[in-house]
PDB file of N, CA and C in Angstrom:
ATOM      1  N   MET A   1      -7.657  12.415 -71.731  1.00  0.00           N
ATOM      2  CA  MET A   1      -7.327  12.945 -70.330  1.00  0.00           C
ATOM      3  C   MET A   1      -6.533  12.059 -69.548  1.00  0.00           C
ATOM      4  N   SER A   2      -5.433  12.365 -68.848  1.00  0.00           N
ATOM      5  CA  SER A   2      -5.207  11.590 -67.807  1.00  0.00           C
ATOM      6  C   SER A   2      -6.031  10.941 -66.773  1.00  0.00           C
ATOM      7  N   GLY A   3      -7.267  11.880 -66.134  1.00  0.00           N
ATOM      8  CA  GLY A   3      -8.135  11.565 -64.993  1.00  0.00           C
ATOM      9  C   GLY A   3      -7.216  11.959 -63.817  1.00  0.00           C
ATOM     10  N   GLN A   4      -6.378  12.891 -63.562  1.00  0.00           N
ATOM     11  CA  GLN A   4      -6.092  12.914 -62.302  1.00  0.00           C
ATOM     12  C   GLN A   4      -5.996  14.574 -62.289  1.00  0.00           C
ATOM     13  N   ARG A   5      -6.690  14.702 -61.010  1.00  0.00           N
ATOM     14  CA  ARG A   5      -7.127  16.116 -60.991  1.00  0.00           C
ATOM     15  C   ARG A   5      -5.455  17.096 -60.861  1.00  0.00           C
ATOM     16  N   LYS A   6      -5.409  18.374 -61.476  1.00  0.00           N
ATOM     17  CA  LYS A   6      -4.323  18.758 -61.132  1.00  0.00           C
ATOM     18  C   LYS A   6      -4.338  19.436 -59.533  1.00  0.00           C
ATOM     19  N   ARG A   7      -3.159  19.636 -58.685  1.00  0.00           N
ATOM     20  CA  ARG A   7      -3.237  20.334 -57.531  1.00  0.00           C
ATOM     21  C   ARG A   7      -2.393  21.529 -57.445  1.00  0.00           C
ATOM     22  N   PHE A   8      -2.797  22.613 -56.897  1.00  0.00           N
ATOM     23  CA  PHE A   8      -2.194  23.791 -57.398  1.00  0.00           C
ATOM     24  C   PHE A   8      -2.152  24.111 -55.677  1.00  0.00           C
ATOM     25  N   THR A   9      -0.847  24.947 -55.789  1.00  0.00           N
ATOM     26  CA  THR A   9      -0.021  25.158 -54.664  1.00  0.00           C
ATOM     27  C   THR A   9      -1.072  26.620 -54.008  1.00  0.00           C
ATOM     28  N   ARG A  10      -0.777  26.729 -52.817  1.00  0.00           N
ATOM     29  CA  ARG A  10      -1.686  27.901 -52.093  1.00  0.00           C
ATOM     30  C   ARG A  10      -1.310  29.121 -52.708  1.00  0.00           C
ATOM     31  N   ASP A  11       0.256  29.328 -52.659  1.00  0.00           N
ATOM     32  CA  ASP A  11       0.591  30.756 -53.454  1.00  0.00           C
ATOM     33  C   ASP A  11       0.246  30.757 -54.785  1.00  0.00           C
ATOM     34  N   PHE A  12       0.498  29.608 -55.692  1.00  0.00           N
ATOM     35  CA  PHE A  12      -0.055  29.832 -56.833  1.00  0.00           C
ATOM     36  C   PHE A  12      -1.782  30.243 -56.842  1.00  0.00           C
ATOM     37  N   LYS A  13      -2.789  29.700 -56.086  1.00  0.00           N
ATOM     38  CA  LYS A  13      -3.916  29.975 -55.882  1.00  0.00           C
ATOM     39  C   LYS A  13      -4.118  31.786 -55.920  1.00  0.00           C
ATOM     40  N   LEU A  14      -3.193  32.235 -54.822  1.00  0.00           N
ATOM     41  CA  LEU A  14      -3.499  33.499 -54.213  1.00  0.00           C
ATOM     42  C   LEU A  14      -3.095  34.667 -55.408  1.00  0.00           C
ATOM     43  N   GLN A  15      -2.220  34.137 -56.025  1.00  0.00           N
ATOM     44  CA  GLN A  15      -1.585  34.621 -56.851  1.00  0.00           C
ATOM     45  C   GLN A  15      -2.741  35.179 -58.353  1.00  0.00           C
ATOM     46  N   VAL A  16      -3.093  33.876 -58.456  1.00  0.00           N
ATOM     47  CA  VAL A  16      -4.248  34.164 -59.776  1.00  0.00           C
ATOM     48  C   VAL A  16      -5.530  34.759 -58.952  1.00  0.00           C
ATOM     49  N   ALA A  17      -5.874  34.893 -58.052  1.00  0.00           N
ATOM     50  CA  ALA A  17      -7.160  35.511 -57.359  1.00  0.00           C
ATOM     51  C   ALA A  17      -6.548  37.012 -56.860  1.00  0.00           C
ATOM     52  N   ARG A  18      -5.470  37.445 -56.656  1.00  0.00           N
ATOM     53  CA  ARG A  18      -5.140  38.757 -56.435  1.00  0.00           C
ATOM     54  C   ARG A  18      -4.999  39.387 -57.878  1.00  0.00           C
ATOM     55  N   ALA A  19      -4.842  38.669 -58.648  1.00  0.00           N
ATOM     56  CA  ALA A  19      -4.620  39.090 -60.181  1.00  0.00           C
ATOM     57  C   ALA A  19      -5.927  39.466 -60.393  1.00  0.00           C
ATOM     58  N   TYR A  20      -6.848  38.839 -60.343  1.00  0.00           N
ATOM     59  CA  TYR A  20      -8.081  39.008 -60.678  1.00  0.00           C
ATOM     60  C   TYR A  20      -8.839  40.137 -60.112  1.00  0.00           C
ATOM     61  N   ASP A  21      -8.523  39.775 -58.757  1.00  0.00           N
ATOM     62  CA  ASP A  21      -9.305  40.954 -57.991  1.00  0.00           C
ATOM     63  C   ASP A  21      -8.659  42.252 -58.310  1.00  0.00           C
ATOM     64  N   SER A  22      -7.270  42.325 -58.850  1.00  0.00           N
ATOM     65  CA  SER A  22      -6.825  43.539 -59.293  1.00  0.00           C
ATOM     66  C   SER A  22      -7.214  44.146 -60.639  1.00  0.00           C
ATOM     67  N   GLY A  23      -8.106  43.323 -61.174  1.00  0.00           N
ATOM     68  CA  GLY A  23      -8.844  44.018 -62.773  1.00  0.00           C
ATOM     69  C   GLY A  23      -8.438  43.364 -63.684  1.00  0.00           C
ATOM     70  N   VAL A  24      -7.537  41.980 -63.494  1.00  0.00           N
ATOM     71  CA  VAL A  24      -6.971  41.199 -64.892  1.00  0.00           C
ATOM     72  C   VAL A  24      -8.279  40.579 -65.094  1.00  0.00           C
ATOM     73  N   SER A  25      -8.235  40.548 -66.554  1.00  0.00           N
ATOM     74  CA  SER A  25      -9.819  40.104 -67.082  1.00  0.00           C
ATOM     75  C   SER A  25      -9.298  38.022 -66.939  1.00  0.00           C
ATOM     76  N   VAL A  26     -10.584  37.694 -66.684  1.00  0.00           N
ATOM     77  CA  VAL A  26     -10.689  36.236 -66.719  1.00  0.00           C
ATOM     78  C   VAL A  26      -9.950  35.508 -67.776  1.00  0.00           C
ATOM     79  N   ALA A  27      -9.955  36.240 -69.160  1.00  0.00           N
ATOM     80  CA  ALA A  27     -10.123  35.310 -70.263  1.00  0.00           C
ATOM     81  C   ALA A  27      -7.983  35.524 -70.513  1.00  0.00           C
ATOM     82  N   GLU A  28      -7.518  36.623 -69.693  1.00  0.00           N
ATOM     83  CA  GLU A  28      -5.959  36.843 -69.670  1.00  0.00           C
ATOM     84  C   GLU A  28      -5.697  35.631 -68.795  1.00  0.00           C
ATOM     85  N   LEU A  29      -6.264  35.904 -67.450  1.00  0.00           N
ATOM     86  CA  LEU A  29      -5.833  34.871 -66.575  1.00  0.00           C
ATOM     87  C   LEU A  29      -5.775  33.259 -67.093  1.00  0.00           C
ATOM     88  N   THR A  30      -6.743  32.843 -67.532  1.00  0.00           N
ATOM     89  CA  THR A  30      -6.744  31.912 -68.415  1.00  0.00           C
ATOM     90  C   THR A  30      -5.777  31.443 -69.189  1.00  0.00           C
ATOM     91  N   ARG A  31      -5.535  32.571 -70.237  1.00  0.00           N
ATOM     92  CA  ARG A  31      -4.520  32.144 -70.945  1.00  0.00           C
ATOM     93  C   ARG A  31      -3.091  31.787 -70.356  1.00  0.00           C
ATOM     94  N   ARG A  32      -2.909  33.010 -69.103  1.00  0.00           N
ATOM     95  CA  ARG A  32      -1.689  33.005 -68.514  1.00  0.00           C
ATOM     96  C   ARG A  32      -1.379  31.807 -67.693  1.00  0.00           C
ATOM     97  N   PHE A  33      -2.267  31.321 -67.169  1.00  0.00           N
ATOM     98  CA  PHE A  33      -2.176  30.658 -65.904  1.00  0.00           C
ATOM     99  C   PHE A  33      -2.727  29.401 -66.229  1.00  0.00           C
ATOM    100  N   GLU A  34      -2.969  28.943 -67.657  1.00  0.00           N
ATOM    101  CA  GLU A  34      -3.589  27.786 -67.615  1.00  0.00           C
ATOM    102  C   GLU A  34      -4.575  26.949 -67.151  1.00  0.00           C
ATOM    103  N   VAL A  35      -5.677  27.663 -66.620  1.00  0.00           N
ATOM    104  CA  VAL A  35      -6.714  27.632 -65.421  1.00  0.00           C
ATOM    105  C   VAL A  35      -8.473  27.902 -65.855  1.00  0.00           C
ATOM    106  N   HIS A  36      -9.020  26.688 -65.966  1.00  0.00           N
ATOM    107  CA  HIS A  36     -10.226  27.345 -66.286  1.00  0.00           C
ATOM    108  C   HIS A  36     -11.078  28.274 -65.524  1.00  0.00           C
ATOM    109  N   SER A  37     -12.091  29.200 -66.363  1.00  0.00           N
ATOM    110  CA  SER A  37     -12.425  30.174 -65.927  1.00  0.00           C
ATOM    111  C   SER A  37     -13.360  29.868 -64.386  1.00  0.00           C
ATOM    112  N   ASN A  38     -13.986  29.041 -64.472  1.00  0.00           N
ATOM    113  CA  ASN A  38     -14.701  28.754 -63.304  1.00  0.00           C
ATOM    114  C   ASN A  38     -13.964  28.508 -62.010  1.00  0.00           C
ATOM    115  N   ILE A  39     -12.639  28.229 -62.348  1.00  0.00           N
ATOM    116  CA  ILE A  39     -11.994  27.716 -61.020  1.00  0.00           C
ATOM    117  C   ILE A  39     -11.732  29.469 -60.811  1.00  0.00           C
ATOM    118  N   ILE A  40     -11.254  30.236 -61.618  1.00  0.00           N
ATOM    119  CA  ILE A  40     -10.392  31.438 -61.181  1.00  0.00           C
ATOM    120  C   ILE A  40     -11.788  32.425 -60.764  1.00  0.00           C
ATOM    121  N   TYR A  41     -13.055  31.951 -60.960  1.00  0.00           N
ATOM    122  CA  TYR A  41     -14.241  32.892 -59.959  1.00  0.00           C
ATOM    123  C   TYR A  41     -14.147  32.468 -58.820  1.00  0.00           C
ATOM    124  N   ARG A  42     -14.156  30.776 -58.499  1.00  0.00           N
ATOM    125  CA  ARG A  42     -14.106  30.191 -57.266  1.00  0.00           C
ATOM    126  C   ARG A  42     -13.262  30.769 -56.166  1.00  0.00           C
ATOM    127  N   TRP A  43     -11.867  30.264 -57.082  1.00  0.00           N
ATOM    128  CA  TRP A  43     -10.400  30.907 -56.038  1.00  0.00           C
ATOM    129  C   TRP A  43     -10.736  32.465 -55.350  1.00  0.00           C
ATOM    130  N   SER A  44     -11.174  33.444 -56.543  1.00  0.00           N
ATOM    131  CA  SER A  44     -11.259  34.683 -56.098  1.00  0.00           C
ATOM    132  C   SER A  44     -12.593  35.016 -54.718  1.00  0.00           C
ATOM    133  N   ARG A  45     -13.522  33.772 -55.349  1.00  0.00           N
ATOM    134  CA  ARG A  45     -14.601  34.055 -54.188  1.00  0.00           C
ATOM    135  C   ARG A  45     -14.165  33.346 -52.517  1.00  0.00           C
ATOM    136  N   GLU A  46     -13.350  32.529 -52.998  1.00  0.00           N
ATOM    137  CA  GLU A  46     -12.936  31.943 -51.890  1.00  0.00           C
ATOM    138  C   GLU A  46     -11.864  33.049 -50.876  1.00  0.00           C
ATOM    139  N   TYR A  47     -11.150  33.771 -51.888  1.00  0.00           N
ATOM    140  CA  TYR A  47     -10.118  34.700 -51.313  1.00  0.00           C
ATOM    141  C   TYR A  47     -10.640  36.095 -50.604  1.00  0.00           C
ATOM    142  N   ARG A  48     -11.560  36.172 -51.358  1.00  0.00           N
ATOM    143  CA  ARG A  48     -12.274  37.567 -51.015  1.00  0.00           C
ATOM    144  C   ARG A  48     -13.217  37.303 -49.639  1.00  0.00           C
ATOM    145  N   ASN A  49     -13.874  35.981 -49.527  1.00  0.00           N
ATOM    146  CA  ASN A  49     -14.503  35.434 -48.522  1.00  0.00           C
ATOM    147  C   ASN A  49     -13.926  35.636 -46.820  1.00  0.00           C
ATOM    148  N   ASP A  50     -12.534  34.971 -46.742  1.00  0.00           N
ATOM    149  CA  ASP A  50     -11.537  34.955 -45.923  1.00  0.00           C
ATOM    150  C   ASP A  50      -9.965  35.152 -46.686  1.00  0.00           C
ATOM    151  N   PRO A  51      -9.481  36.127 -46.573  1.00  0.00           N
ATOM    152  CA  PRO A  51      -8.347  35.945 -47.299  1.00  0.00           C
ATOM    153  C   PRO A  51      -7.312  35.191 -46.327  1.00  0.00           C
ATOM    154  N   GLN A  52      -7.301  35.425 -45.044  1.00  0.00           N
ATOM    155  CA  GLN A  52      -6.160  34.535 -44.182  1.00  0.00           C
ATOM    156  C   GLN A  52      -6.387  33.208 -44.306  1.00  0.00           C
ATOM    157  N   SER A  53      -7.626  32.555 -43.980  1.00  0.00           N
ATOM    158  CA  SER A  53      -7.633  30.929 -44.314  1.00  0.00           C
ATOM    159  C   SER A  53      -7.965  30.209 -45.881  1.00  0.00           C
ATOM    160  N   ALA A  54      -8.111  31.408 -46.636  1.00  0.00           N
ATOM    161  CA  ALA A  54      -8.223  30.867 -48.146  1.00  0.00           C
ATOM    162  C   ALA A  54      -7.161  29.941 -48.536  1.00  0.00           C
ATOM    163  N   PHE A  55      -7.728  28.600 -48.988  1.00  0.00           N
ATOM    164  CA  PHE A  55      -6.491  27.587 -49.887  1.00  0.00           C
ATOM    165  C   PHE A  55      -5.826  26.689 -48.827  1.00  0.00           C
ATOM    166  N   GLN A  56      -6.382  26.351 -47.440  1.00  0.00           N
ATOM    167  CA  GLN A  56      -5.571  25.922 -46.413  1.00  0.00           C
ATOM    168  C   GLN A  56      -5.402  24.546 -47.011  1.00  0.00           C
ATOM    169  N   GLY A  57      -6.281  24.230 -47.541  1.00  0.00           N
ATOM    170  CA  GLY A  57      -6.555  22.652 -47.959  1.00  0.00           C
ATOM    171  C   GLY A  57      -7.539  21.871 -47.272  1.00  0.00           C
ATOM    172  N   SER A  58      -7.340  20.820 -47.236  1.00  0.00           N
ATOM    173  CA  SER A  58      -8.237  19.416 -46.753  1.00  0.00           C
ATOM    174  C   SER A  58      -7.148  18.550 -45.616  1.00  0.00           C
ATOM    175  N   GLY A  59      -6.275  19.058 -45.210  1.00  0.00           N
ATOM    176  CA  GLY A  59      -5.708  18.500 -44.197  1.00  0.00           C
ATOM    177  C   GLY A  59      -4.444  17.648 -44.664  1.00  0.00           C
ATOM    178  N   ASN A  60      -4.578  17.553 -45.692  1.00  0.00           N
ATOM    179  CA  ASN A  60      -3.701  16.504 -46.516  1.00  0.00           C
ATOM    180  C   ASN A  60      -1.868  17.438 -45.828  1.00  0.00           C
ATOM    181  N   ASN A  61      -2.180  18.558 -45.882  1.00  0.00           N
ATOM    182  CA  ASN A  61      -0.943  19.555 -45.083  1.00  0.00           C
ATOM    183  C   ASN A  61       0.057  18.749 -44.688  1.00  0.00           C
ATOM    184  N   THR A  62      -0.901  18.410 -43.269  1.00  0.00           N
ATOM    185  CA  THR A  62       0.071  17.852 -42.214  1.00  0.00           C
ATOM    186  C   THR A  62       0.533  16.699 -42.847  1.00  0.00           C
ATOM    187  N   GLU A  63       0.322  15.499 -43.689  1.00  0.00           N
ATOM    188  CA  GLU A  63       0.872  14.649 -44.039  1.00  0.00           C
ATOM    189  C   GLU A  63       2.067  14.696 -45.068  1.00  0.00           C
ATOM    190  N   VAL A  64       1.760  16.071 -45.698  1.00  0.00           N
ATOM    191  CA  VAL A  64       3.046  16.679 -46.874  1.00  0.00           C
ATOM    192  C   VAL A  64       3.888  16.929 -45.645  1.00  0.00           C
ATOM    193  N   ALA A  65       3.753  17.678 -44.867  1.00  0.00           N
ATOM    194  CA  ALA A  65       4.893  18.683 -43.909  1.00  0.00           C
ATOM    195  C   ALA A  65       5.057  17.358 -42.818  1.00  0.00           C
ATOM    196  N   LYS A  66       4.792  16.572 -42.622  1.00  0.00           N
ATOM    197  CA  LYS A  66       5.417  15.273 -42.025  1.00  0.00           C
ATOM    198  C   LYS A  66       6.451  14.170 -43.151  1.00  0.00           C
ATOM    199  N   GLU A  67       6.033  14.142 -44.666  1.00  0.00           N
ATOM    200  CA  GLU A  67       7.093  13.848 -45.462  1.00  0.00           C
ATOM    201  C   GLU A  67       8.036  14.315 -45.593  1.00  0.00           C
ATOM    202  N   ALA A  68       7.878  15.892 -45.470  1.00  0.00           N
ATOM    203  CA  ALA A  68       8.904  16.997 -45.941  1.00  0.00           C
ATOM    204  C   ALA A  68      10.012  17.063 -44.491  1.00  0.00           C
ATOM    205  N   GLU A  69       9.162  16.672 -43.640  1.00  0.00           N
ATOM    206  CA  GLU A  69      10.150  16.615 -42.189  1.00  0.00           C
ATOM    207  C   GLU A  69      11.075  15.303 -42.375  1.00  0.00           C
ATOM    208  N   GLN A  70      10.577  14.652 -42.685  1.00  0.00           N
ATOM    209  CA  GLN A  70      11.167  12.928 -42.748  1.00  0.00           C
ATOM    210  C   GLN A  70      12.194  13.467 -43.776  1.00  0.00           C
ATOM    211  N   LYS A  71      12.246  14.157 -44.974  1.00  0.00           N
ATOM    212  CA  LYS A  71      12.956  13.986 -45.804  1.00  0.00           C
ATOM    213  C   LYS A  71      14.416  14.750 -45.681  1.00  0.00           C
ATOM    214  N   ILE A  72      13.727  15.853 -44.882  1.00  0.00           N
ATOM    215  CA  ILE A  72      14.978  16.990 -43.861  1.00  0.00           C
ATOM    216  C   ILE A  72      15.566  16.377 -43.431  1.00  0.00           C
ATOM    217  N   ALA A  73      15.398  15.334 -42.641  1.00  0.00           N
ATOM    218  CA  ALA A  73      16.268  14.971 -41.285  1.00  0.00           C
ATOM    219  C   ALA A  73      17.092  13.768 -41.844  1.00  0.00           C
ATOM    220  N   GLU A  74      16.409  13.099 -43.265  1.00  0.00           N
ATOM    221  CA  GLU A  74      17.217  12.253 -43.854  1.00  0.00           C
ATOM    222  C   GLU A  74      18.446  12.732 -44.564  1.00  0.00           C
ATOM    223  N   LEU A  75      18.227  14.092 -45.083  1.00  0.00           N
ATOM    224  CA  LEU A  75      19.241  14.266 -45.672  1.00  0.00           C
ATOM    225  C   LEU A  75      20.320  15.272 -44.617  1.00  0.00           C
ATOM    226  N   GLU A  76      19.844  15.792 -43.755  1.00  0.00           N
ATOM    227  CA  GLU A  76      20.705  16.305 -42.792  1.00  0.00           C
ATOM    228  C   GLU A  76      21.216  15.254 -42.072  1.00  0.00           C
ATOM    229  N   ARG A  77      21.029  13.784 -41.902  1.00  0.00           N
ATOM    230  CA  ARG A  77      21.971  12.605 -41.538  1.00  0.00           C
ATOM    231  C   ARG A  77      22.958  12.147 -42.524  1.00  0.00           C
ATOM    232  N   MET A  78      22.244  12.579 -43.997  1.00  0.00           N
ATOM    233  CA  MET A  78      23.261  12.249 -45.102  1.00  0.00           C
ATOM    234  C   MET A  78      24.375  13.498 -44.911  1.00  0.00           C
ATOM    235  N   ILE A  79      23.930  14.684 -44.825  1.00  0.00           N
ATOM    236  CA  ILE A  79      25.134  15.731 -44.485  1.00  0.00           C
ATOM    237  C   ILE A  79      25.817  15.549 -43.377  1.00  0.00           C
ATOM    238  N   GLY A  80      25.377  14.801 -42.320  1.00  0.00           N
ATOM    239  CA  GLY A  80      26.391  14.958 -41.268  1.00  0.00           C
ATOM    240  C   GLY A  80      27.500  13.567 -41.773  1.00  0.00           C
ATOM    241  N   ARG A  81      27.124  12.333 -42.142  1.00  0.00           N
ATOM    242  CA  ARG A  81      27.792  11.346 -42.729  1.00  0.00           C
ATOM    243  C   ARG A  81      28.835  11.934 -43.389  1.00  0.00           C
ATOM    244  N   LEU A  82      28.237  12.578 -44.594  1.00  0.00           N
ATOM    245  CA  LEU A  82      29.293  13.054 -45.773  1.00  0.00           C
ATOM    246  C   LEU A  82      30.114  14.026 -45.184  1.00  0.00           C
ATOM    247  N   THR A  83      30.161  14.889 -44.278  1.00  0.00           N
ATOM    248  CA  THR A  83      31.004  15.557 -43.318  1.00  0.00           C
ATOM    249  C   THR A  83      32.002  14.863 -43.001  1.00  0.00           C
ATOM    250  N   VAL A  84      31.730  13.559 -42.043  1.00  0.00           N
ATOM    251  CA  VAL A  84      32.175  13.184 -41.334  1.00  0.00           C
ATOM    252  C   VAL A  84      33.412  12.410 -42.368  1.00  0.00           C
ATOM    253  N   GLU A  85      32.873  11.814 -43.402  1.00  0.00           N
ATOM    254  CA  GLU A  85      33.826  11.359 -44.328  1.00  0.00           C
ATOM    255  C   GLU A  85      34.588  12.216 -45.139  1.00  0.00           C
ATOM    256  N   ASN A  86      34.219  13.593 -45.317  1.00  0.00           N
ATOM    257  CA  ASN A  86      34.932  14.609 -45.826  1.00  0.00           C
ATOM    258  C   ASN A  86      36.059  14.443 -45.148  1.00  0.00           C
ATOM    259  N   ASP A  87      35.695  15.042 -43.994  1.00  0.00           N
ATOM    260  CA  ASP A  87      36.810  15.335 -42.738  1.00  0.00           C
ATOM    261  C   ASP A  87      38.127  14.078 -42.797  1.00  0.00           C
ATOM    262  N   PHE A  88      37.445  12.958 -42.740  1.00  0.00           N
ATOM    263  CA  PHE A  88      38.537  11.874 -42.563  1.00  0.00           C
ATOM    264  C   PHE A  88      39.224  11.680 -43.711  1.00  0.00           C
ATOM    265  N   LEU A  89      38.784  12.429 -45.167  1.00  0.00           N
ATOM    266  CA  LEU A  89      39.267  11.933 -46.222  1.00  0.00           C
ATOM    267  C   LEU A  89      40.738  13.224 -46.097  1.00  0.00           C
ATOM    268  N   LYS A  90      40.006  14.489 -45.720  1.00  0.00           N
ATOM    269  CA  LYS A  90      41.191  15.241 -45.976  1.00  0.00           C
ATOM    270  C   LYS A  90      42.373  14.787 -44.818  1.00  0.00           C
ATOM    271  N   ARG A  91      41.856  14.412 -43.589  1.00  0.00           N
ATOM    272  CA  ARG A  91      43.201  13.917 -42.708  1.00  0.00           C
ATOM    273  C   ARG A  91      44.258  12.998 -43.593  1.00  0.00           C
ATOM    274  N   ALA A  92      43.461  12.041 -44.058  1.00  0.00           N
ATOM    275  CA  ALA A  92      44.180  11.028 -44.517  1.00  0.00           C
ATOM    276  C   ALA A  92      44.844  11.312 -45.867  1.00  0.00           C
ATOM    277  N   LEU A  93      44.601  12.746 -46.587  1.00  0.00           N
ATOM    278  CA  LEU A  93      45.330  13.141 -47.376  1.00  0.00           C
ATOM    279  C   LEU A  93      46.429  13.849 -47.087  1.00  0.00           C
ATOM    280  N   GLN A  94      46.207  14.538 -46.157  1.00  0.00           N
ATOM    281  CA  GLN A  94      47.602  15.323 -45.507  1.00  0.00           C
ATOM    282  C   GLN A  94      48.362  14.369 -45.095  1.00  0.00           C
ATOM    283  N   HIS A  95      47.719  13.314 -44.094  1.00  0.00           N
ATOM    284  CA  HIS A  95      49.113  12.286 -43.422  1.00  0.00           C
ATOM    285  C   HIS A  95      49.579  11.911 -44.680  1.00  0.00           C
ATOM    286  N   ALA A  96      49.018  11.334 -45.958  1.00  0.00           N
ATOM    287  CA  ALA A  96      49.540  10.789 -46.819  1.00  0.00           C
ATOM    288  C   ALA A  96      50.946  11.590 -47.445  1.00  0.00           C
ATOM    289  N   LYS A  97      50.273  13.380 -47.714  1.00  0.00           N
ATOM    290  CA  LYS A  97      51.520  14.262 -48.332  1.00  0.00           C
ATOM    291  C   LYS A  97      52.650  14.296 -47.109  1.00  0.00           C
ATOM    292  N   ASN A  98      52.195  14.179 -45.911  1.00  0.00           N
ATOM    293  CA  ASN A  98      53.117  14.343 -44.965  1.00  0.00           C
ATOM    294  C   ASN A  98      54.341  13.053 -45.017  1.00  0.00           C
ATOM    295  N   VAL A  99      53.719  11.591 -45.260  1.00  0.00           N
ATOM    296  CA  VAL A  99      54.580  10.450 -45.417  1.00  0.00           C
ATOM    297  C   VAL A  99      55.130  10.791 -46.463  1.00  0.00           C
ATOM    298  N   LEU A 100      54.800  11.102 -47.834  1.00  0.00           N
ATOM    299  CA  LEU A 100      55.401  11.166 -48.711  1.00  0.00           C
ATOM    300  C   LEU A 100      56.678  12.501 -48.878  1.00  0.00           C
ATOM    301  N   ALA A 101      56.513  13.370 -48.118  1.00  0.00           N
ATOM    302  CA  ALA A 101      57.329  14.464 -47.934  1.00  0.00           C
ATOM    303  C   ALA A 101      58.587  13.938 -47.461  1.00  0.00           C
ATOM    304  N   GLU A 102      58.233  13.011 -46.273  1.00  0.00           N
ATOM    305  CA  GLU A 102      59.297  12.689 -45.059  1.00  0.00           C
ATOM    306  C   GLU A 102      60.331  11.721 -46.153  1.00  0.00           C
ATOM    307  N   SER A 103      59.471  10.738 -46.908  1.00  0.00           N
ATOM    308  CA  SER A 103      59.976   9.575 -47.563  1.00  0.00           C
ATOM    309  C   SER A 103      61.020  10.406 -48.486  1.00  0.00           C
ATOM    310  N   ASN A 104      60.419  11.426 -49.409  1.00  0.00           N
ATOM    311  CA  ASN A 104      61.227  12.273 -50.111  1.00  0.00           C
ATOM    312  C   ASN A 104      62.541  13.136 -49.697  1.00  0.00           C
ATOM    313  N   GLY A 105      62.243  13.463 -48.163  1.00  0.00           N
ATOM    314  CA  GLY A 105      63.264  14.108 -47.681  1.00  0.00           C
ATOM    315  C   GLY A 105      64.338  13.486 -47.160  1.00  0.00           C
ATOM    316  N   LYS A 106      64.439  11.893 -46.933  1.00  0.00           N
ATOM    317  CA  LYS A 106      65.328  11.200 -46.375  1.00  0.00           C
ATOM    318  C   LYS A 106      66.001  10.411 -47.739  1.00  0.00           C
ATOM    319  N   THR A 107      65.210  10.485 -48.994  1.00  0.00           N
ATOM    320  CA  THR A 107      66.130   9.701 -50.008  1.00  0.00           C
ATOM    321  C   THR A 107      66.922  10.943 -50.530  1.00  0.00           C
ATOM    322  N   THR A 108      66.978  12.314 -50.522  1.00  0.00           N
ATOM    323  CA  THR A 108      67.617  13.305 -51.177  1.00  0.00           C
ATOM    324  C   THR A 108      68.388  13.635 -49.773  1.00  0.00           C
ATOM    325  N   LYS A 109      68.300  13.362 -48.450  1.00  0.00           N
ATOM    326  CA  LYS A 109      69.765  13.557 -47.796  1.00  0.00           C
ATOM    327  C   LYS A 109      70.728  12.561 -47.921  1.00  0.00           C
ATOM    328  N   SER A 110      70.345  11.058 -48.161  1.00  0.00           N
ATOM    329  CA  SER A 110      71.041  10.170 -48.143  1.00  0.00           C
ATOM    330  C   SER A 110      72.122  10.224 -49.336  1.00  0.00           C
TER     331      SER A 110
END
């Protein structure tokens, strides 16, 4: 055993709990989702008690959200930088084509 607990997303837990509540057997769910039967019972009970707030987590969501926002901001900055570089290179290529076309035009005219 690795000693680490598996972490499941809220959507995954909802999917399992809803499947159990719709009549799918625990045996089938344990095989399909590779989750222990006790966890399925616990998730189903938590979902039935309060479907709206079930599986909200222990407060780590704010930390995860903050990390996600930072990653998004970093990626947006990268996109902006790459867009500027791409535009610069497109203009440089067009300028080089124009210079090459002018120099080819001058040598054929002579």
